[in-house]
Amino acid sequence: LPLSHTLERTAGYYLPMMTGSKVAFSRGIPQLANDIQQLQPSALIA
């Protein structure tokens, strides 16, 4: 989700910094399905 979106910025950027979690940046919506398969996320904001 664009980091200009408040939900992504708070819950997908600052919140993982609070918890020490990793954040992987998707290449974009066209590659999203492949990125999910390759990276295997455990948390998703959508």
PDB file of all heavy atoms in Angstrom:
ATOM      1  N   LEU A   1       0.860  -1.177   0.000  1.00  0.00           N
ATOM      2  CA  LEU A   1       0.000   0.000   0.000  1.00  0.00           C
ATOM      3  C   LEU A   1       0.903   1.236   0.000  1.00  0.00           C
ATOM      4  O   LEU A   1       1.946   1.240   0.671  1.00  0.00           O
ATOM      5  CB  LEU A   1      -0.877   0.036   1.257  1.00  0.00           C
ATOM      6  CG  LEU A   1      -2.070  -0.906   1.348  1.00  0.00           C
ATOM      7  CD1 LEU A   1      -2.837  -0.602   2.631  1.00  0.00           C
ATOM      8  CD2 LEU A   1      -2.975  -0.791   0.150  1.00  0.00           C
ATOM      9  N   PRO A   2       0.551   2.289  -0.724  1.00  0.00           N
ATOM     10  CA  PRO A   2       1.428   3.470  -0.753  1.00  0.00           C
ATOM     11  C   PRO A   2       1.698   4.006   0.649  1.00  0.00           C
ATOM     12  O   PRO A   2       0.796   4.088   1.487  1.00  0.00           O
ATOM     13  CB  PRO A   2       0.622   4.486  -1.581  1.00  0.00           C
ATOM     14  CG  PRO A   2      -0.303   3.666  -2.404  1.00  0.00           C
ATOM     15  CD  PRO A   2      -0.639   2.459  -1.578  1.00  0.00           C
ATOM     16  N   LEU A   3       2.950   4.338   0.936  1.00  0.00           N
ATOM     17  CA  LEU A   3       3.299   4.907   2.243  1.00  0.00           C
ATOM     18  C   LEU A   3       2.682   6.282   2.457  1.00  0.00           C
ATOM     19  O   LEU A   3       2.693   6.795   3.568  1.00  0.00           O
ATOM     20  CB  LEU A   3       4.821   4.973   2.388  1.00  0.00           C
ATOM     21  CG  LEU A   3       5.476   3.667   2.845  1.00  0.00           C
ATOM     22  CD1 LEU A   3       6.976   3.691   2.586  1.00  0.00           C
ATOM     23  CD2 LEU A   3       5.182   3.408   4.312  1.00  0.00           C
ATOM     24  N   SER A   4       2.145   6.875   1.395  1.00  0.00           N
ATOM     25  CA  SER A   4       1.389   8.118   1.547  1.00  0.00           C
ATOM     26  C   SER A   4       0.036   7.842   2.203  1.00  0.00           C
ATOM     27  O   SER A   4      -0.628   8.766   2.675  1.00  0.00           O
ATOM     28  CB  SER A   4       1.181   8.777   0.176  1.00  0.00           C
ATOM     29  OG  SER A   4       0.706   7.836  -0.773  1.00  0.00           O
ATOM     30  N   HIS A   5      -0.386   6.577   2.236  1.00  0.00           N
ATOM     31  CA  HIS A   5      -1.611   6.137   2.894  1.00  0.00           C
ATOM     32  C   HIS A   5      -1.310   6.003   4.387  1.00  0.00           C
ATOM     33  O   HIS A   5      -0.386   5.303   4.778  1.00  0.00           O
ATOM     34  CB  HIS A   5      -2.057   4.797   2.298  1.00  0.00           C
ATOM     35  CG  HIS A   5      -3.443   4.377   2.646  1.00  0.00           C
ATOM     36  ND1 HIS A   5      -3.851   4.138   3.931  1.00  0.00           N
ATOM     37  CD2 HIS A   5      -4.529   4.169   1.862  1.00  0.00           C
ATOM     38  CE1 HIS A   5      -5.123   3.777   3.931  1.00  0.00           C
ATOM     39  NE2 HIS A   5      -5.561   3.793   2.687  1.00  0.00           N
ATOM     40  N   THR A   6      -2.108   6.640   5.228  1.00  0.00           N
ATOM     41  CA  THR A   6      -1.812   6.669   6.671  1.00  0.00           C
ATOM     42  C   THR A   6      -1.787   5.282   7.292  1.00  0.00           C
ATOM     43  O   THR A   6      -1.003   5.032   8.219  1.00  0.00           O
ATOM     44  CB  THR A   6      -2.845   7.527   7.431  1.00  0.00           C
ATOM     45  OG1 THR A   6      -3.273   8.585   6.608  1.00  0.00           O
ATOM     46  CG2 THR A   6      -2.250   8.065   8.718  1.00  0.00           C
ATOM     47  N   LEU A   7      -2.633   4.372   6.821  1.00  0.00           N
ATOM     48  CA  LEU A   7      -2.659   3.026   7.388  1.00  0.00           C
ATOM     49  C   LEU A   7      -1.323   2.328   7.164  1.00  0.00           C
ATOM     50  O   LEU A   7      -0.758   1.731   8.085  1.00  0.00           O
ATOM     51  CB  LEU A   7      -3.800   2.211   6.767  1.00  0.00           C
ATOM     52  CG  LEU A   7      -3.893   0.748   7.216  1.00  0.00           C
ATOM     53  CD1 LEU A   7      -4.103   0.653   8.727  1.00  0.00           C
ATOM     54  CD2 LEU A   7      -5.019   0.028   6.464  1.00  0.00           C
ATOM     55  N   GLU A   8      -0.800   2.420   5.945  1.00  0.00           N
ATOM     56  CA  GLU A   8       0.489   1.780   5.651  1.00  0.00           C
ATOM     57  C   GLU A   8       1.619   2.448   6.419  1.00  0.00           C
ATOM     58  O   GLU A   8       2.527   1.784   6.919  1.00  0.00           O
ATOM     59  CB  GLU A   8       0.771   1.826   4.144  1.00  0.00           C
ATOM     60  CG  GLU A   8       2.083   1.191   3.741  1.00  0.00           C
ATOM     61  CD  GLU A   8       2.142  -0.295   4.033  1.00  0.00           C
ATOM     62  OE1 GLU A   8       1.086  -0.963   3.991  1.00  0.00           O
ATOM     63  OE2 GLU A   8       3.246  -0.797   4.300  1.00  0.00           O
ATOM     64  N   ARG A   9       1.553   3.754   6.526  1.00  0.00           N
ATOM     65  CA  ARG A   9       2.645   4.476   7.183  1.00  0.00           C
ATOM     66  C   ARG A   9       2.701   4.161   8.677  1.00  0.00           C
ATOM     67  O   ARG A   9       3.774   3.870   9.218  1.00  0.00           O
ATOM     68  CB  ARG A   9       2.473   5.976   6.963  1.00  0.00           C
ATOM     69  CG  ARG A   9       3.692   6.788   7.401  1.00  0.00           C
ATOM     70  CD  ARG A   9       3.589   8.181   6.881  1.00  0.00           C
ATOM     71  NE  ARG A   9       4.571   9.085   7.443  1.00  0.00           N
ATOM     72  CZ  ARG A   9       4.497  10.399   7.341  1.00  0.00           C
ATOM     73  NH1 ARG A   9       3.477  10.957   6.699  1.00  0.00           N
ATOM     74  NH2 ARG A   9       5.426  11.172   7.875  1.00  0.00           N
ATOM     75  N   THR A  10       1.555   4.188   9.341  1.00  0.00           N
ATOM     76  CA  THR A  10       1.536   3.914  10.785  1.00  0.00           C
ATOM     77  C   THR A  10       1.742   2.426  11.069  1.00  0.00           C
ATOM     78  O   THR A  10       2.595   2.054  11.875  1.00  0.00           O
ATOM     79  CB  THR A  10       0.208   4.381  11.404  1.00  0.00           C
ATOM     80  OG1 THR A  10       0.096   5.808  11.279  1.00  0.00           O
ATOM     81  CG2 THR A  10       0.126   4.012  12.881  1.00  0.00           C
ATOM     82  N   ALA A  11       0.948   1.572  10.392  1.00  0.00           N
ATOM     83  CA  ALA A  11       0.948   0.145  10.721  1.00  0.00           C
ATOM     84  C   ALA A  11       1.997  -0.651   9.964  1.00  0.00           C
ATOM     85  O   ALA A  11       2.386  -1.735  10.408  1.00  0.00           O
ATOM     86  CB  ALA A  11      -0.440  -0.445  10.450  1.00  0.00           C
ATOM     87  N   GLY A  12       2.472  -0.132   8.816  1.00  0.00           N
ATOM     88  CA  GLY A  12       3.425  -0.879   8.025  1.00  0.00           C
ATOM     89  C   GLY A  12       4.832  -0.310   8.013  1.00  0.00           C
ATOM     90  O   GLY A  12       5.718  -0.855   7.352  1.00  0.00           O
ATOM     91  N   TYR A  13       5.042   0.800   8.744  1.00  0.00           N
ATOM     92  CA  TYR A  13       6.368   1.445   8.787  1.00  0.00           C
ATOM     93  C   TYR A  13       6.774   1.731  10.224  1.00  0.00           C
ATOM     94  O   TYR A  13       7.762   1.173  10.726  1.00  0.00           O
ATOM     95  CB  TYR A  13       6.322   2.707   7.924  1.00  0.00           C
ATOM     96  CG  TYR A  13       7.400   3.748   8.107  1.00  0.00           C
ATOM     97  CD1 TYR A  13       8.625   3.476   8.719  1.00  0.00           C
ATOM     98  CD2 TYR A  13       7.202   5.040   7.628  1.00  0.00           C
ATOM     99  CE1 TYR A  13       9.592   4.461   8.871  1.00  0.00           C
ATOM    100  CE2 TYR A  13       8.174   6.036   7.768  1.00  0.00           C
ATOM    101  CZ  TYR A  13       9.362   5.739   8.399  1.00  0.00           C
ATOM    102  OH  TYR A  13      10.317   6.720   8.551  1.00  0.00           O
ATOM    103  N   TYR A  14       6.007   2.560  10.942  1.00  0.00           N
ATOM    104  CA  TYR A  14       6.392   2.898  12.314  1.00  0.00           C
ATOM    105  C   TYR A  14       6.135   1.743  13.285  1.00  0.00           C
ATOM    106  O   TYR A  14       6.941   1.492  14.185  1.00  0.00           O
ATOM    107  CB  TYR A  14       5.645   4.147  12.776  1.00  0.00           C
ATOM    108  CG  TYR A  14       5.950   5.384  11.970  1.00  0.00           C
ATOM    109  CD1 TYR A  14       4.935   6.141  11.391  1.00  0.00           C
ATOM    110  CD2 TYR A  14       7.268   5.809  11.760  1.00  0.00           C
ATOM    111  CE1 TYR A  14       5.208   7.280  10.643  1.00  0.00           C
ATOM    112  CE2 TYR A  14       7.554   6.938  11.014  1.00  0.00           C
ATOM    113  CZ  TYR A  14       6.512   7.668  10.456  1.00  0.00           C
ATOM    114  OH  TYR A  14       6.797   8.794   9.710  1.00  0.00           O
ATOM    115  N   LEU A  15       5.017   1.028  13.108  1.00  0.00           N
ATOM    116  CA  LEU A  15       4.714  -0.076  14.027  1.00  0.00           C
ATOM    117  C   LEU A  15       5.774  -1.183  13.955  1.00  0.00           C
ATOM    118  O   LEU A  15       6.255  -1.637  15.008  1.00  0.00           O
ATOM    119  CB  LEU A  15       3.309  -0.616  13.731  1.00  0.00           C
ATOM    120  CG  LEU A  15       2.761  -1.701  14.659  1.00  0.00           C
ATOM    121  CD1 LEU A  15       1.238  -1.600  14.759  1.00  0.00           C
ATOM    122  CD2 LEU A  15       3.130  -3.097  14.170  1.00  0.00           C
ATOM    123  N   PRO A  16       6.205  -1.643  12.774  1.00  0.00           N
ATOM    124  CA  PRO A  16       7.283  -2.634  12.740  1.00  0.00           C
ATOM    125  C   PRO A  16       8.588  -2.123  13.337  1.00  0.00           C
ATOM    126  O   PRO A  16       9.382  -2.913  13.856  1.00  0.00           O
ATOM    127  CB  PRO A  16       7.449  -2.923  11.237  1.00  0.00           C
ATOM    128  CG  PRO A  16       6.146  -2.547  10.630  1.00  0.00           C
ATOM    129  CD  PRO A  16       5.646  -1.396  11.430  1.00  0.00           C
ATOM    130  N   MET A  17       8.810  -0.811  13.279  1.00  0.00           N
ATOM    131  CA  MET A  17      10.000  -0.247  13.913  1.00  0.00           C
ATOM    132  C   MET A  17       9.879  -0.372  15.433  1.00  0.00           C
ATOM    133  O   MET A  17      10.872  -0.619  16.129  1.00  0.00           O
ATOM    134  CB  MET A  17      10.161   1.224  13.507  1.00  0.00           C
ATOM    135  CG  MET A  17      11.523   1.812  13.791  1.00  0.00           C
ATOM    136  SD  MET A  17      11.685   3.508  13.171  1.00  0.00           S
ATOM    137  CE  MET A  17      11.836   3.222  11.407  1.00  0.00           C
ATOM    138  N   MET A  18       8.681  -0.241  15.954  1.00  0.00           N
ATOM    139  CA  MET A  18       8.446  -0.423  17.393  1.00  0.00           C
ATOM    140  C   MET A  18       8.750  -1.848  17.825  1.00  0.00           C
ATOM    141  O   MET A  18       9.246  -2.084  18.923  1.00  0.00           O
ATOM    142  CB  MET A  18       6.987  -0.098  17.739  1.00  0.00           C
ATOM    143  CG  MET A  18       6.680   1.356  17.938  1.00  0.00           C
ATOM    144  SD  MET A  18       4.992   1.577  18.542  1.00  0.00           S
ATOM    145  CE  MET A  18       5.136   3.250  19.185  1.00  0.00           C
ATOM    146  N   THR A  19       8.431  -2.818  16.959  1.00  0.00           N
ATOM    147  CA  THR A  19       8.555  -4.230  17.331  1.00  0.00           C
ATOM    148  C   THR A  19       9.861  -4.860  16.869  1.00  0.00           C
ATOM    149  O   THR A  19      10.158  -5.995  17.240  1.00  0.00           O
ATOM    150  CB  THR A  19       7.387  -5.036  16.734  1.00  0.00           C
ATOM    151  OG1 THR A  19       7.418  -4.921  15.303  1.00  0.00           O
ATOM    152  CG2 THR A  19       6.047  -4.508  17.242  1.00  0.00           C
ATOM    153  N   GLY A  20      10.631  -4.155  16.039  1.00  0.00           N
ATOM    154  CA  GLY A  20      11.868  -4.721  15.509  1.00  0.00           C
ATOM    155  C   GLY A  20      11.637  -5.722  14.407  1.00  0.00           C
ATOM    156  O   GLY A  20      12.503  -6.547  14.110  1.00  0.00           O
ATOM    157  N   SER A  21      10.461  -5.654  13.757  1.00  0.00           N
ATOM    158  CA  SER A  21      10.126  -6.569  12.668  1.00  0.00           C
ATOM    159  C   SER A  21      10.736  -6.078  11.357  1.00  0.00           C
ATOM    160  O   SER A  21      11.055  -4.900  11.203  1.00  0.00           O
ATOM    161  CB  SER A  21       8.609  -6.682  12.521  1.00  0.00           C
ATOM    162  OG  SER A  21       7.991  -6.999  13.755  1.00  0.00           O
ATOM    163  N   LYS A  22      10.862  -6.986  10.394  1.00  0.00           N
ATOM    164  CA  LYS A  22      11.380  -6.632   9.074  1.00  0.00           C
ATOM    165  C   LYS A  22      10.243  -6.143   8.172  1.00  0.00           C
ATOM    166  O   LYS A  22       9.102  -6.589   8.303  1.00  0.00           O
ATOM    167  CB  LYS A  22      12.050  -7.845   8.418  1.00  0.00           C
ATOM    168  CG  LYS A  22      13.226  -8.413   9.184  1.00  0.00           C
ATOM    169  CD  LYS A  22      13.899  -9.536   8.420  1.00  0.00           C
ATOM    170  CE  LYS A  22      13.008 -10.764   8.282  1.00  0.00           C
ATOM    171  NZ  LYS A  22      12.727 -11.421   9.576  1.00  0.00           N
ATOM    172  N   VAL A  23      10.584  -5.265   7.257  1.00  0.00           N
ATOM    173  CA  VAL A  23       9.640  -4.796   6.242  1.00  0.00           C
ATOM    174  C   VAL A  23      10.257  -5.024   4.870  1.00  0.00           C
ATOM    175  O   VAL A  23      11.371  -4.563   4.602  1.00  0.00           O
ATOM    176  CB  VAL A  23       9.303  -3.302   6.419  1.00  0.00           C
ATOM    177  CG1 VAL A  23       8.422  -2.820   5.271  1.00  0.00           C
ATOM    178  CG2 VAL A  23       8.618  -3.057   7.758  1.00  0.00           C
ATOM    179  N   ALA A  24       9.544  -5.754   4.020  1.00  0.00           N
ATOM    180  CA  ALA A  24       9.976  -5.958   2.638  1.00  0.00           C
ATOM    181  C   ALA A  24       9.121  -5.084   1.732  1.00  0.00           C
ATOM    182  O   ALA A  24       7.895  -5.056   1.864  1.00  0.00           O
ATOM    183  CB  ALA A  24       9.842  -7.419   2.240  1.00  0.00           C
ATOM    184  N   PHE A  25       9.755  -4.348   0.828  1.00  0.00           N
ATOM    185  CA  PHE A  25       9.038  -3.460  -0.079  1.00  0.00           C
ATOM    186  C   PHE A  25       8.732  -4.200  -1.375  1.00  0.00           C
ATOM    187  O   PHE A  25       9.638  -4.622  -2.088  1.00  0.00           O
ATOM    188  CB  PHE A  25       9.865  -2.206  -0.365  1.00  0.00           C
ATOM    189  CG  PHE A  25      10.113  -1.371   0.857  1.00  0.00           C
ATOM    190  CD1 PHE A  25      11.364  -1.339   1.455  1.00  0.00           C
ATOM    191  CD2 PHE A  25       9.095  -0.629   1.421  1.00  0.00           C
ATOM    192  CE1 PHE A  25      11.605  -0.576   2.582  1.00  0.00           C
ATOM    193  CE2 PHE A  25       9.316   0.142   2.559  1.00  0.00           C
ATOM    194  CZ  PHE A  25      10.571   0.166   3.138  1.00  0.00           C
ATOM    195  N   SER A  26       7.446  -4.337  -1.676  1.00  0.00           N
ATOM    196  CA  SER A  26       7.038  -4.989  -2.908  1.00  0.00           C
ATOM    197  C   SER A  26       7.498  -4.176  -4.121  1.00  0.00           C
ATOM    198  O   SER A  26       7.605  -2.954  -4.061  1.00  0.00           O
ATOM    199  CB  SER A  26       5.512  -5.149  -2.939  1.00  0.00           C
ATOM    200  OG  SER A  26       5.077  -5.611  -4.197  1.00  0.00           O
ATOM    201  N   ARG A  27       7.735  -4.875  -5.219  1.00  0.00           N
ATOM    202  CA  ARG A  27       8.136  -4.190  -6.447  1.00  0.00           C
ATOM    203  C   ARG A  27       6.975  -3.427  -7.072  1.00  0.00           C
ATOM    204  O   ARG A  27       7.184  -2.553  -7.905  1.00  0.00           O
ATOM    205  CB  ARG A  27       8.689  -5.211  -7.440  1.00  0.00           C
ATOM    206  CG  ARG A  27      10.044  -5.782  -7.066  1.00  0.00           C
ATOM    207  CD  ARG A  27      10.435  -6.928  -7.968  1.00  0.00           C
ATOM    208  NE  ARG A  27       9.638  -8.123  -7.704  1.00  0.00           N
ATOM    209  CZ  ARG A  27       9.729  -9.252  -8.398  1.00  0.00           C
ATOM    210  NH1 ARG A  27      10.577  -9.320  -9.421  1.00  0.00           N
ATOM    211  NH2 ARG A  27       8.987 -10.296  -8.089  1.00  0.00           N
ATOM    212  N   GLY A  28       5.751  -3.743  -6.674  1.00  0.00           N
ATOM    213  CA  GLY A  28       4.576  -3.077  -7.225  1.00  0.00           C
ATOM    214  C   GLY A  28       3.428  -4.059  -7.366  1.00  0.00           C
ATOM    215  O   GLY A  28       3.609  -5.276  -7.254  1.00  0.00           O
ATOM    216  N   ILE A  29       2.237  -3.545  -7.626  1.00  0.00           N
ATOM    217  CA  ILE A  29       1.056  -4.393  -7.732  1.00  0.00           C
ATOM    218  C   ILE A  29       1.198  -5.452  -8.827  1.00  0.00           C
ATOM    219  O   ILE A  29       0.813  -6.610  -8.625  1.00  0.00           O
ATOM    220  CB  ILE A  29      -0.203  -3.533  -7.969  1.00  0.00           C
ATOM    221  CG1 ILE A  29      -0.476  -2.637  -6.726  1.00  0.00           C
ATOM    222  CG2 ILE A  29      -1.420  -4.405  -8.243  1.00  0.00           C
ATOM    223  CD1 ILE A  29      -0.737  -3.410  -5.455  1.00  0.00           C
ATOM    224  N   PRO A  30       1.760  -5.137 -10.010  1.00  0.00           N
ATOM    225  CA  PRO A  30       1.898  -6.186 -11.029  1.00  0.00           C
ATOM    226  C   PRO A  30       2.740  -7.375 -10.574  1.00  0.00           C
ATOM    227  O   PRO A  30       2.510  -8.504 -11.016  1.00  0.00           O
ATOM    228  CB  PRO A  30       2.578  -5.448 -12.203  1.00  0.00           C
ATOM    229  CG  PRO A  30       2.202  -4.019 -12.023  1.00  0.00           C
ATOM    230  CD  PRO A  30       2.173  -3.815 -10.543  1.00  0.00           C
ATOM    231  N   GLN A  31       3.713  -7.134  -9.699  1.00  0.00           N
ATOM    232  CA  GLN A  31       4.587  -8.221  -9.214  1.00  0.00           C
ATOM    233  C   GLN A  31       4.184  -8.726  -7.832  1.00  0.00           C
ATOM    234  O   GLN A  31       4.890  -9.538  -7.230  1.00  0.00           O
ATOM    235  CB  GLN A  31       6.045  -7.733  -9.141  1.00  0.00           C
ATOM    236  CG  GLN A  31       6.650  -7.336 -10.470  1.00  0.00           C
ATOM    237  CD  GLN A  31       6.416  -5.874 -10.795  1.00  0.00           C
ATOM    238  OE1 GLN A  31       5.936  -5.114  -9.966  1.00  0.00           O
ATOM    239  NE2 GLN A  31       6.748  -5.474 -12.015  1.00  0.00           N
ATOM    240  N   LEU A  32       3.058  -8.243  -7.314  1.00  0.00           N
ATOM    241  CA  LEU A  32       2.694  -8.535  -5.930  1.00  0.00           C
ATOM    242  C   LEU A  32       2.562 -10.031  -5.666  1.00  0.00           C
ATOM    243  O   LEU A  32       3.069 -10.539  -4.653  1.00  0.00           O
ATOM    244  CB  LEU A  32       1.383  -7.824  -5.566  1.00  0.00           C
ATOM    245  CG  LEU A  32       0.886  -8.011  -4.131  1.00  0.00           C
ATOM    246  CD1 LEU A  32       1.932  -7.531  -3.133  1.00  0.00           C
ATOM    247  CD2 LEU A  32      -0.438  -7.276  -3.920  1.00  0.00           C
ATOM    248  N   ALA A  33       1.888 -10.754  -6.560  1.00  0.00           N
ATOM    249  CA  ALA A  33       1.702 -12.199  -6.354  1.00  0.00           C
ATOM    250  C   ALA A  33       3.051 -12.914  -6.274  1.00  0.00           C
ATOM    251  O   ALA A  33       3.261 -13.765  -5.404  1.00  0.00           O
ATOM    252  CB  ALA A  33       0.847 -12.783  -7.471  1.00  0.00           C
ATOM    253  N   ASN A  34       3.975 -12.557  -7.154  1.00  0.00           N
ATOM    254  CA  ASN A  34       5.314 -13.172  -7.124  1.00  0.00           C
ATOM    255  C   ASN A  34       6.077 -12.774  -5.877  1.00  0.00           C
ATOM    256  O   ASN A  34       6.794 -13.594  -5.284  1.00  0.00           O
ATOM    257  CB  ASN A  34       6.111 -12.766  -8.367  1.00  0.00           C
ATOM    258  CG  ASN A  34       5.612 -13.448  -9.627  1.00  0.00           C
ATOM    259  OD1 ASN A  34       5.044 -14.529  -9.561  1.00  0.00           O
ATOM    260  ND2 ASN A  34       5.820 -12.825 -10.774  1.00  0.00           N
ATOM    261  N   ASP A  35       5.954 -11.520  -5.462  1.00  0.00           N
ATOM    262  CA  ASP A  35       6.653 -11.059  -4.258  1.00  0.00           C
ATOM    263  C   ASP A  35       6.170 -11.813  -3.029  1.00  0.00           C
ATOM    264  O   ASP A  35       6.967 -12.184  -2.155  1.00  0.00           O
ATOM    265  CB  ASP A  35       6.437  -9.554  -4.064  1.00  0.00           C
ATOM    266  CG  ASP A  35       7.153  -8.723  -5.114  1.00  0.00           C
ATOM    267  OD1 ASP A  35       7.956  -9.293  -5.876  1.00  0.00           O
ATOM    268  OD2 ASP A  35       6.909  -7.500  -5.176  1.00  0.00           O
ATOM    269  N   ILE A  36       4.863 -12.039  -2.945  1.00  0.00           N
ATOM    270  CA  ILE A  36       4.308 -12.786  -1.804  1.00  0.00           C
ATOM    271  C   ILE A  36       4.870 -14.208  -1.790  1.00  0.00           C
ATOM    272  O   ILE A  36       5.251 -14.727  -0.730  1.00  0.00           O
ATOM    273  CB  ILE A  36       2.766 -12.804  -1.873  1.00  0.00           C
ATOM    274  CG1 ILE A  36       2.208 -11.408  -1.557  1.00  0.00           C
ATOM    275  CG2 ILE A  36       2.199 -13.823  -0.887  1.00  0.00           C
ATOM    276  CD1 ILE A  36       0.705 -11.298  -1.707  1.00  0.00           C
ATOM    277  N   GLN A  37       4.939 -14.832  -2.950  1.00  0.00           N
ATOM    278  CA  GLN A  37       5.460 -16.203  -3.036  1.00  0.00           C
ATOM    279  C   GLN A  37       6.926 -16.265  -2.636  1.00  0.00           C
ATOM    280  O   GLN A  37       7.359 -17.187  -1.940  1.00  0.00           O
ATOM    281  CB  GLN A  37       5.280 -16.736  -4.458  1.00  0.00           C
ATOM    282  CG  GLN A  37       3.842 -16.877  -4.912  1.00  0.00           C
ATOM    283  CD  GLN A  37       3.063 -17.898  -4.104  1.00  0.00           C
ATOM    284  OE1 GLN A  37       3.559 -18.983  -3.830  1.00  0.00           O
ATOM    285  NE2 GLN A  37       1.857 -17.545  -3.706  1.00  0.00           N
ATOM    286  N   GLN A  38       7.711 -15.295  -3.078  1.00  0.00           N
ATOM    287  CA  GLN A  38       9.140 -15.305  -2.814  1.00  0.00           C
ATOM    288  C   GLN A  38       9.473 -14.930  -1.370  1.00  0.00           C
ATOM    289  O   GLN A  38      10.352 -15.541  -0.753  1.00  0.00           O
ATOM    290  CB  GLN A  38       9.850 -14.334  -3.762  1.00  0.00           C
ATOM    291  CG  GLN A  38       9.841 -14.762  -5.218  1.00  0.00           C
ATOM    292  CD  GLN A  38      10.561 -13.771  -6.117  1.00  0.00           C
ATOM    293  OE1 GLN A  38      11.527 -13.133  -5.707  1.00  0.00           O
ATOM    294  NE2 GLN A  38      10.090 -13.626  -7.351  1.00  0.00           N
ATOM    295  N   LEU A  39       8.772 -13.928  -0.843  1.00  0.00           N
ATOM    296  CA  LEU A  39       9.128 -13.375   0.471  1.00  0.00           C
ATOM    297  C   LEU A  39       8.415 -14.056   1.626  1.00  0.00           C
ATOM    298  O   LEU A  39       8.894 -14.028   2.753  1.00  0.00           O
ATOM    299  CB  LEU A  39       8.825 -11.873   0.485  1.00  0.00           C
ATOM    300  CG  LEU A  39       9.668 -11.046  -0.491  1.00  0.00           C
ATOM    301  CD1 LEU A  39       9.078  -9.656  -0.668  1.00  0.00           C
ATOM    302  CD2 LEU A  39      11.106 -10.936  -0.004  1.00  0.00           C
ATOM    303  N   GLN A  40       7.243 -14.636   1.367  1.00  0.00           N
ATOM    304  CA  GLN A  40       6.463 -15.346   2.388  1.00  0.00           C
ATOM    305  C   GLN A  40       6.264 -14.505   3.657  1.00  0.00           C
ATOM    306  O   GLN A  40       6.752 -14.846   4.737  1.00  0.00           O
ATOM    307  CB  GLN A  40       7.134 -16.678   2.739  1.00  0.00           C
ATOM    308  CG  GLN A  40       7.263 -17.627   1.560  1.00  0.00           C
ATOM    309  CD  GLN A  40       7.902 -18.947   1.935  1.00  0.00           C
ATOM    310  OE1 GLN A  40       8.886 -18.993   2.686  1.00  0.00           O
ATOM    311  NE2 GLN A  40       7.368 -20.036   1.425  1.00  0.00           N
ATOM    312  N   PRO A  41       5.533 -13.397   3.541  1.00  0.00           N
ATOM    313  CA  PRO A  41       5.328 -12.526   4.709  1.00  0.00           C
ATOM    314  C   PRO A  41       4.493 -13.206   5.784  1.00  0.00           C
ATOM    315  O   PRO A  41       3.687 -14.105   5.497  1.00  0.00           O
ATOM    316  CB  PRO A  41       4.565 -11.330   4.108  1.00  0.00           C
ATOM    317  CG  PRO A  41       3.858 -11.899   2.921  1.00  0.00           C
ATOM    318  CD  PRO A  41       4.801 -12.921   2.355  1.00  0.00           C
ATOM    319  N   SER A  42       4.703 -12.776   7.017  1.00  0.00           N
ATOM    320  CA  SER A  42       3.888 -13.272   8.128  1.00  0.00           C
ATOM    321  C   SER A  42       2.869 -12.236   8.581  1.00  0.00           C
ATOM    322  O   SER A  42       1.954 -12.543   9.342  1.00  0.00           O
ATOM    323  CB  SER A  42       4.786 -13.664   9.309  1.00  0.00           C
ATOM    324  OG  SER A  42       5.571 -12.557   9.733  1.00  0.00           O
ATOM    325  N   ALA A  43       3.011 -10.982   8.117  1.00  0.00           N
ATOM    326  CA  ALA A  43       2.063  -9.915   8.453  1.00  0.00           C
ATOM    327  C   ALA A  43       1.778  -9.096   7.193  1.00  0.00           C
ATOM    328  O   ALA A  43       2.689  -8.821   6.409  1.00  0.00           O
ATOM    329  CB  ALA A  43       2.619  -9.018   9.557  1.00  0.00           C
ATOM    330  N   LEU A  44       0.522  -8.727   7.027  1.00  0.00           N
ATOM    331  CA  LEU A  44       0.106  -8.043   5.812  1.00  0.00           C
ATOM    332  C   LEU A  44      -0.898  -6.952   6.168  1.00  0.00           C
ATOM    333  O   LEU A  44      -1.842  -7.185   6.923  1.00  0.00           O
ATOM    334  CB  LEU A  44      -0.548  -9.057   4.866  1.00  0.00           C
ATOM    335  CG  LEU A  44      -0.606  -8.765   3.375  1.00  0.00           C
ATOM    336  CD1 LEU A  44       0.796  -8.640   2.785  1.00  0.00           C
ATOM    337  CD2 LEU A  44      -1.366  -9.896   2.669  1.00  0.00           C
ATOM    338  N   ILE A  45      -0.679  -5.748   5.638  1.00  0.00           N
ATOM    339  CA  ILE A  45      -1.633  -4.649   5.761  1.00  0.00           C
ATOM    340  C   ILE A  45      -2.195  -4.409   4.363  1.00  0.00           C
ATOM    341  O   ILE A  45      -1.427  -4.183   3.419  1.00  0.00           O
ATOM    342  CB  ILE A  45      -0.965  -3.351   6.273  1.00  0.00           C
ATOM    343  CG1 ILE A  45      -0.136  -3.608   7.535  1.00  0.00           C
ATOM    344  CG2 ILE A  45      -2.012  -2.270   6.517  1.00  0.00           C
ATOM    345  CD1 ILE A  45      -0.916  -4.035   8.733  1.00  0.00           C
ATOM    346  N   ALA A  46      -3.512  -4.475   4.214  1.00  0.00           N
ATOM    347  CA  ALA A  46      -4.077  -4.382   2.871  1.00  0.00           C
ATOM    348  C   ALA A  46      -5.445  -3.718   2.906  1.00  0.00           C
ATOM    349  O   ALA A  46      -6.040  -3.525   3.975  1.00  0.00           O
ATOM    350  CB  ALA A  46      -4.189  -5.771   2.245  1.00  0.00           C
TER     351      ALA A  46
END
